[in-house]
N, C-alpha and C. Protein backbone atom coordinates (compact mmCIF):
# COMPACT_ATOMS: atom_id res chain seq x y z
N UNK A 1 334.19 61.45 18.42
CA UNK A 1 335.39 61.07 19.12
C UNK A 1 335.70 62.24 20.13
N UNK A 2 336.05 61.84 21.30
CA UNK A 2 336.36 62.82 22.36
C UNK A 2 337.74 63.42 22.13
N UNK A 3 337.91 64.62 22.69
CA UNK A 3 339.16 65.30 22.57
C UNK A 3 340.23 64.46 23.29
N UNK A 4 339.92 63.80 24.38
CA UNK A 4 340.91 62.91 25.06
C UNK A 4 341.38 61.79 24.15
N UNK A 5 340.44 61.14 23.42
CA UNK A 5 340.82 60.08 22.49
C UNK A 5 341.68 60.66 21.35
N UNK A 6 341.35 61.86 20.86
CA UNK A 6 342.20 62.41 19.78
C UNK A 6 343.63 62.67 20.30
N UNK A 7 343.77 63.13 21.54
CA UNK A 7 345.10 63.34 22.11
C UNK A 7 345.84 62.02 22.23
N UNK A 8 345.09 60.96 22.63
CA UNK A 8 345.77 59.65 22.76
C UNK A 8 346.18 59.16 21.36
N UNK A 9 345.33 59.36 20.35
CA UNK A 9 345.70 58.97 19.04
C UNK A 9 346.92 59.70 18.48
N UNK A 10 347.04 61.02 18.80
CA UNK A 10 348.21 61.80 18.43
C UNK A 10 349.47 61.31 19.04
N UNK A 11 349.34 60.84 20.34
CA UNK A 11 350.55 60.28 21.03
C UNK A 11 351.01 59.01 20.29
N UNK A 12 350.06 58.12 19.89
CA UNK A 12 350.38 56.86 19.18
C UNK A 12 350.98 57.33 17.83
N UNK A 13 350.39 58.30 17.23
CA UNK A 13 350.98 58.77 15.95
C UNK A 13 352.41 59.18 16.06
N UNK A 14 352.76 59.91 17.12
CA UNK A 14 354.11 60.29 17.36
C UNK A 14 355.02 59.15 17.65
N UNK A 15 354.58 58.05 18.16
CA UNK A 15 355.40 56.86 18.48
C UNK A 15 355.62 56.07 17.27
N UNK A 16 354.63 56.02 16.35
CA UNK A 16 354.62 54.98 15.27
C UNK A 16 354.88 55.58 13.88
N UNK A 17 355.09 56.87 13.78
CA UNK A 17 355.30 57.49 12.45
C UNK A 17 356.53 58.35 12.53
N UNK A 18 357.20 58.46 11.40
CA UNK A 18 358.35 59.38 11.26
C UNK A 18 357.84 60.85 11.00
N UNK A 19 358.71 61.77 10.95
CA UNK A 19 358.30 63.18 10.81
C UNK A 19 357.50 63.45 9.51
N UNK A 20 357.93 62.93 8.38
CA UNK A 20 357.26 63.15 7.10
C UNK A 20 355.84 62.58 7.06
N UNK A 21 355.72 61.31 7.47
CA UNK A 21 354.39 60.69 7.48
C UNK A 21 353.49 61.40 8.52
N UNK A 22 354.07 61.72 9.65
CA UNK A 22 353.26 62.38 10.73
C UNK A 22 352.73 63.72 10.21
N UNK A 23 353.61 64.47 9.55
CA UNK A 23 353.16 65.82 9.03
C UNK A 23 352.08 65.65 8.01
N UNK A 24 352.22 64.66 7.08
CA UNK A 24 351.25 64.39 6.11
C UNK A 24 349.87 64.03 6.74
N UNK A 25 349.93 63.12 7.71
CA UNK A 25 348.74 62.69 8.34
C UNK A 25 348.03 63.81 9.13
N UNK A 26 348.82 64.68 9.79
CA UNK A 26 348.21 65.80 10.49
C UNK A 26 347.56 66.75 9.48
N UNK A 27 348.15 66.96 8.33
CA UNK A 27 347.51 67.75 7.34
C UNK A 27 346.20 67.13 6.82
N UNK A 28 346.22 65.81 6.63
CA UNK A 28 345.03 65.05 6.15
C UNK A 28 343.90 65.18 7.27
N UNK A 29 344.33 65.09 8.49
CA UNK A 29 343.36 65.13 9.60
C UNK A 29 342.64 66.43 9.59
N UNK A 30 343.30 67.50 9.12
CA UNK A 30 342.70 68.85 9.12
C UNK A 30 341.88 69.09 7.78
N UNK A 31 341.97 68.17 6.90
CA UNK A 31 341.26 68.31 5.57
C UNK A 31 339.89 67.79 5.56
N UNK A 32 339.29 67.79 4.37
CA UNK A 32 337.90 67.43 4.24
C UNK A 32 337.69 65.90 4.48
N UNK A 33 338.69 65.13 4.38
CA UNK A 33 338.60 63.69 4.69
C UNK A 33 339.16 63.39 6.14
N UNK A 34 339.20 64.37 6.92
CA UNK A 34 339.74 64.26 8.24
C UNK A 34 339.12 63.16 9.10
N UNK A 35 337.78 62.99 9.04
CA UNK A 35 337.13 61.95 9.80
C UNK A 35 337.61 60.55 9.42
N UNK A 36 337.80 60.32 8.10
CA UNK A 36 338.32 59.06 7.65
C UNK A 36 339.67 58.75 8.26
N UNK A 37 340.58 59.73 8.25
CA UNK A 37 341.89 59.52 8.76
C UNK A 37 341.89 59.44 10.28
N UNK A 38 341.00 60.16 10.92
CA UNK A 38 340.80 60.05 12.40
C UNK A 38 340.43 58.68 12.78
N UNK A 39 339.48 58.08 12.04
CA UNK A 39 339.07 56.68 12.32
C UNK A 39 340.15 55.68 12.03
N UNK A 40 340.91 55.89 10.98
CA UNK A 40 342.05 55.02 10.73
C UNK A 40 343.10 55.08 11.86
N UNK A 41 343.39 56.30 12.30
CA UNK A 41 344.31 56.49 13.43
C UNK A 41 343.75 55.92 14.71
N UNK A 42 342.44 56.08 14.90
CA UNK A 42 341.85 55.45 16.13
C UNK A 42 342.00 53.93 16.09
N UNK A 43 341.83 53.30 14.93
CA UNK A 43 342.03 51.92 14.82
C UNK A 43 343.47 51.50 15.14
N UNK A 44 344.45 52.24 14.63
CA UNK A 44 345.86 51.95 14.93
C UNK A 44 346.09 52.11 16.40
N UNK A 45 345.55 53.13 16.98
CA UNK A 45 345.68 53.40 18.41
C UNK A 45 345.18 52.21 19.29
N UNK A 46 343.99 51.69 18.89
CA UNK A 46 343.39 50.50 19.59
C UNK A 46 344.30 49.35 19.41
N UNK A 47 344.86 49.09 18.24
CA UNK A 47 345.71 47.95 18.02
C UNK A 47 346.98 48.14 18.91
N UNK A 48 347.51 49.32 18.91
CA UNK A 48 348.74 49.55 19.69
C UNK A 48 348.52 49.34 21.18
N UNK A 49 347.41 49.85 21.66
CA UNK A 49 347.08 49.62 23.17
C UNK A 49 346.90 48.21 23.54
N UNK A 50 346.31 47.41 22.61
CA UNK A 50 345.97 46.05 23.07
C UNK A 50 346.93 44.96 22.57
N UNK A 51 347.89 45.30 21.69
CA UNK A 51 348.79 44.27 21.19
C UNK A 51 349.74 43.74 22.25
N UNK A 52 350.17 42.52 22.14
CA UNK A 52 351.02 41.91 23.14
C UNK A 52 352.33 42.68 23.40
N UNK A 53 352.86 42.52 24.61
CA UNK A 53 354.11 43.10 24.93
C UNK A 53 355.21 42.00 24.99
N UNK A 54 356.37 42.38 25.20
CA UNK A 54 357.56 41.47 25.22
C UNK A 54 357.24 40.14 25.95
N UNK A 55 357.46 39.06 25.24
CA UNK A 55 357.31 37.65 25.64
C UNK A 55 355.89 37.17 25.78
N UNK A 56 354.86 37.99 25.49
CA UNK A 56 353.51 37.57 25.62
C UNK A 56 353.08 36.57 24.59
N UNK A 57 353.78 36.47 23.51
CA UNK A 57 353.43 35.49 22.42
C UNK A 57 354.37 34.24 22.48
N UNK A 58 355.28 34.24 23.49
CA UNK A 58 356.19 33.14 23.56
C UNK A 58 355.51 31.84 23.52
N UNK A 59 356.01 30.88 22.69
CA UNK A 59 355.48 29.62 22.49
C UNK A 59 354.37 29.49 21.39
N UNK A 60 353.96 30.63 20.85
CA UNK A 60 352.92 30.59 19.83
C UNK A 60 353.47 30.24 18.47
N UNK A 61 354.76 30.46 18.29
CA UNK A 61 355.41 30.14 17.04
C UNK A 61 354.78 30.83 15.85
N UNK A 62 354.47 30.03 14.78
CA UNK A 62 353.96 30.63 13.55
C UNK A 62 352.49 31.02 13.71
N UNK A 63 351.82 30.73 14.83
CA UNK A 63 350.46 31.16 15.07
C UNK A 63 350.39 32.54 15.69
N UNK A 64 351.51 33.09 16.09
CA UNK A 64 351.52 34.45 16.68
C UNK A 64 351.14 35.41 15.61
N UNK A 65 350.43 36.48 16.03
CA UNK A 65 349.88 37.43 15.06
C UNK A 65 350.72 38.68 15.00
N UNK A 66 350.97 39.13 13.79
CA UNK A 66 351.62 40.41 13.53
C UNK A 66 350.54 41.51 13.45
N UNK A 67 350.58 42.46 14.33
CA UNK A 67 349.53 43.47 14.41
C UNK A 67 349.76 44.77 13.66
N UNK A 68 351.03 45.08 13.35
CA UNK A 68 351.38 46.27 12.67
C UNK A 68 352.30 45.99 11.46
N UNK A 69 352.31 46.83 10.48
CA UNK A 69 353.13 46.66 9.31
C UNK A 69 353.75 48.05 8.95
N UNK A 70 355.06 48.04 8.72
CA UNK A 70 355.77 49.19 8.26
C UNK A 70 356.40 48.82 6.91
N UNK A 71 356.66 49.79 6.05
CA UNK A 71 357.21 49.55 4.73
C UNK A 71 358.08 50.77 4.28
N UNK A 72 358.97 50.40 3.42
CA UNK A 72 359.86 51.40 2.75
C UNK A 72 360.45 50.77 1.53
N UNK A 73 359.96 51.23 0.40
CA UNK A 73 360.46 50.64 -0.86
C UNK A 73 360.14 49.12 -0.90
N UNK A 74 361.09 48.26 -1.07
CA UNK A 74 360.91 46.83 -1.09
C UNK A 74 360.99 46.26 0.29
N UNK A 75 361.31 47.03 1.28
CA UNK A 75 361.50 46.45 2.65
C UNK A 75 360.15 46.50 3.46
N UNK A 76 359.98 45.56 4.30
CA UNK A 76 358.77 45.40 5.12
C UNK A 76 359.14 44.97 6.49
N UNK A 77 358.44 45.46 7.50
CA UNK A 77 358.59 45.00 8.88
C UNK A 77 357.19 44.81 9.42
N UNK A 78 356.95 43.63 10.03
CA UNK A 78 355.68 43.28 10.70
C UNK A 78 355.94 43.17 12.19
N UNK A 79 355.16 43.79 13.04
CA UNK A 79 355.38 43.83 14.50
C UNK A 79 354.43 42.85 15.18
N UNK A 80 354.96 41.91 15.94
CA UNK A 80 354.22 40.99 16.70
C UNK A 80 354.04 41.42 18.13
N UNK A 81 355.10 41.85 18.81
CA UNK A 81 355.11 42.27 20.18
C UNK A 81 355.75 43.62 20.32
N UNK A 82 355.20 44.53 21.14
CA UNK A 82 355.88 45.74 21.43
C UNK A 82 356.68 45.60 22.68
N UNK A 83 357.59 46.55 22.87
CA UNK A 83 358.45 46.58 24.05
C UNK A 83 357.62 46.79 25.29
N UNK A 84 357.90 45.99 26.32
CA UNK A 84 357.13 46.15 27.59
C UNK A 84 357.50 47.46 28.35
N UNK A 85 358.64 48.07 27.87
CA UNK A 85 359.15 49.36 28.41
C UNK A 85 359.32 49.30 29.94
N UNK A 86 359.94 48.25 30.38
CA UNK A 86 360.24 48.13 31.80
C UNK A 86 361.26 49.13 32.30
N UNK A 87 362.09 49.66 31.42
CA UNK A 87 363.09 50.62 31.82
C UNK A 87 362.62 52.08 31.66
N UNK A 88 361.44 52.29 31.22
CA UNK A 88 360.87 53.64 31.06
C UNK A 88 361.51 54.45 29.91
N UNK A 89 362.17 53.76 28.98
CA UNK A 89 362.82 54.46 27.90
C UNK A 89 361.90 54.62 26.69
N UNK A 90 360.67 54.27 26.80
CA UNK A 90 359.76 54.39 25.69
C UNK A 90 359.85 53.18 24.76
N UNK A 91 359.15 53.26 23.64
CA UNK A 91 359.15 52.12 22.63
C UNK A 91 360.51 52.11 21.98
N UNK A 92 361.33 51.17 22.37
CA UNK A 92 362.67 51.01 21.85
C UNK A 92 362.77 49.87 20.84
N UNK A 93 362.20 48.74 21.13
CA UNK A 93 362.27 47.66 20.26
C UNK A 93 360.97 46.86 20.19
N UNK A 94 360.90 46.01 19.20
CA UNK A 94 359.71 45.20 19.03
C UNK A 94 360.14 43.84 18.47
N UNK A 95 359.32 42.84 18.71
CA UNK A 95 359.57 41.50 18.12
C UNK A 95 358.74 41.52 16.80
N UNK A 96 359.35 41.04 15.74
CA UNK A 96 358.58 40.96 14.49
C UNK A 96 359.44 40.31 13.33
N UNK A 97 358.94 40.50 12.16
CA UNK A 97 359.56 39.95 10.99
C UNK A 97 360.08 41.11 10.13
N UNK A 98 361.29 40.92 9.67
CA UNK A 98 361.90 41.89 8.82
C UNK A 98 362.26 41.28 7.49
N UNK A 99 361.90 42.04 6.47
CA UNK A 99 362.18 41.62 5.05
C UNK A 99 362.78 42.86 4.38
N UNK A 100 364.10 42.85 4.21
CA UNK A 100 364.76 44.02 3.69
C UNK A 100 364.80 44.10 2.16
N UNK A 101 363.91 43.30 1.54
CA UNK A 101 363.71 43.31 0.14
C UNK A 101 364.69 42.50 -0.72
N UNK A 102 365.35 41.58 -0.03
CA UNK A 102 366.41 40.71 -0.65
C UNK A 102 365.98 39.28 -0.71
N UNK A 103 364.60 38.98 -0.49
CA UNK A 103 364.15 37.67 -0.66
C UNK A 103 364.22 36.82 0.58
N UNK A 104 364.48 37.46 1.68
CA UNK A 104 364.69 36.70 2.92
C UNK A 104 363.86 37.43 4.06
N UNK A 105 363.05 36.62 4.80
CA UNK A 105 362.29 37.16 5.96
C UNK A 105 362.85 36.52 7.18
N UNK A 106 363.05 37.33 8.23
CA UNK A 106 363.61 36.79 9.48
C UNK A 106 362.83 37.35 10.64
N UNK A 107 362.57 36.50 11.60
CA UNK A 107 361.98 36.84 12.84
C UNK A 107 363.01 37.32 13.82
N UNK A 108 362.81 38.44 14.51
CA UNK A 108 363.80 38.90 15.44
C UNK A 108 363.35 40.23 16.04
N UNK A 109 364.28 40.98 16.68
CA UNK A 109 364.03 42.19 17.31
C UNK A 109 364.23 43.29 16.30
N UNK A 110 363.30 44.27 16.33
CA UNK A 110 363.25 45.42 15.44
C UNK A 110 363.23 46.70 16.26
N UNK A 111 364.04 47.67 15.90
CA UNK A 111 364.00 48.98 16.50
C UNK A 111 363.04 49.82 15.76
N UNK A 112 361.91 50.19 16.34
CA UNK A 112 360.98 50.99 15.61
C UNK A 112 361.59 52.43 15.38
N UNK A 113 362.29 53.02 16.34
CA UNK A 113 362.89 54.29 16.07
C UNK A 113 363.88 54.30 14.92
N UNK A 114 364.59 53.18 14.75
CA UNK A 114 365.54 53.06 13.65
C UNK A 114 364.87 52.99 12.27
N UNK A 115 363.81 52.18 12.20
CA UNK A 115 363.14 52.03 10.88
C UNK A 115 362.41 53.32 10.55
N UNK A 116 361.91 54.07 11.53
CA UNK A 116 361.28 55.34 11.29
C UNK A 116 362.31 56.36 10.84
N UNK A 117 363.52 56.31 11.43
CA UNK A 117 364.57 57.21 11.08
C UNK A 117 365.03 57.09 9.62
N UNK A 118 364.93 55.90 8.99
CA UNK A 118 365.27 55.76 7.65
C UNK A 118 364.16 55.96 6.68
N UNK A 119 362.95 56.36 7.24
CA UNK A 119 361.81 56.74 6.45
C UNK A 119 360.69 55.70 6.28
N UNK A 120 360.78 54.60 6.95
CA UNK A 120 359.64 53.64 6.92
C UNK A 120 358.37 54.27 7.33
N UNK A 121 357.26 53.80 6.73
CA UNK A 121 356.00 54.34 7.05
C UNK A 121 355.10 53.28 7.59
N UNK A 122 354.12 53.66 8.48
CA UNK A 122 353.19 52.81 9.08
C UNK A 122 352.09 52.55 8.06
N UNK A 123 351.69 51.32 7.87
CA UNK A 123 350.55 50.92 7.07
C UNK A 123 349.27 51.14 7.86
N UNK A 124 348.53 52.19 7.56
CA UNK A 124 347.30 52.44 8.34
C UNK A 124 346.19 51.46 8.04
N UNK A 125 346.24 50.65 7.02
CA UNK A 125 345.17 49.75 6.60
C UNK A 125 345.59 48.25 6.65
N UNK A 126 346.67 47.97 7.40
CA UNK A 126 347.18 46.62 7.52
C UNK A 126 346.13 45.76 8.27
N UNK A 127 345.86 44.56 7.74
CA UNK A 127 345.04 43.57 8.38
C UNK A 127 345.94 42.54 9.05
N UNK A 128 345.85 42.29 10.38
CA UNK A 128 346.70 41.35 11.06
C UNK A 128 346.78 39.98 10.38
N UNK A 129 348.01 39.46 10.35
CA UNK A 129 348.30 38.13 9.78
C UNK A 129 349.19 37.37 10.71
N UNK A 130 349.13 36.06 10.65
CA UNK A 130 349.99 35.29 11.50
C UNK A 130 351.44 35.27 10.96
N UNK A 131 352.37 34.98 11.77
CA UNK A 131 353.76 34.82 11.43
C UNK A 131 353.87 33.81 10.33
N UNK A 132 353.13 32.70 10.44
CA UNK A 132 353.21 31.68 9.36
C UNK A 132 352.69 32.18 8.06
N UNK A 133 351.60 32.95 8.02
CA UNK A 133 351.08 33.48 6.75
C UNK A 133 352.09 34.40 6.05
N UNK A 134 352.72 35.29 6.90
CA UNK A 134 353.68 36.28 6.36
C UNK A 134 354.92 35.52 5.83
N UNK A 135 355.41 34.51 6.60
CA UNK A 135 356.62 33.78 6.16
C UNK A 135 356.40 32.95 4.90
N UNK A 136 355.17 32.53 4.70
CA UNK A 136 354.84 31.70 3.50
C UNK A 136 354.52 32.54 2.25
N UNK A 137 354.15 33.83 2.42
CA UNK A 137 353.84 34.65 1.22
C UNK A 137 355.01 34.73 0.27
N UNK A 138 354.72 34.84 -1.01
CA UNK A 138 355.75 34.97 -1.98
C UNK A 138 356.46 36.29 -1.79
N UNK A 139 357.81 36.22 -1.84
CA UNK A 139 358.62 37.39 -1.64
C UNK A 139 358.80 38.16 -2.91
N UNK A 140 358.63 37.54 -4.06
CA UNK A 140 358.81 38.13 -5.37
C UNK A 140 357.85 39.23 -5.75
């Protein structure tokens, strides 16, 4: 992996992880399994770069794909579209599904900085699922 790609991966890491998870991952990247975590981070970076932006999945309904998953305790957030960042303010919101652990999943806008601020972590091994698949999964 090139140094340029590693820098790009670190920028994505800074956008999609909170301070604790980021510090842990940076430590793991420097350890003996660093290559494994570098590959996992490269995969997340590729997903982030290619995933749809605001309104690009409009009309897909339950067939739209959630590309990223965040979790904290019993709460989960799945991200379908990232902010198009037309105002230059960075990644402020995303379209996705929120399940706050109370047995109800809702599709709507999610603030990635807010969920990271409360300690949500990025699932490095998430496999994309459709909105329909996520909504139909047992909540229990």
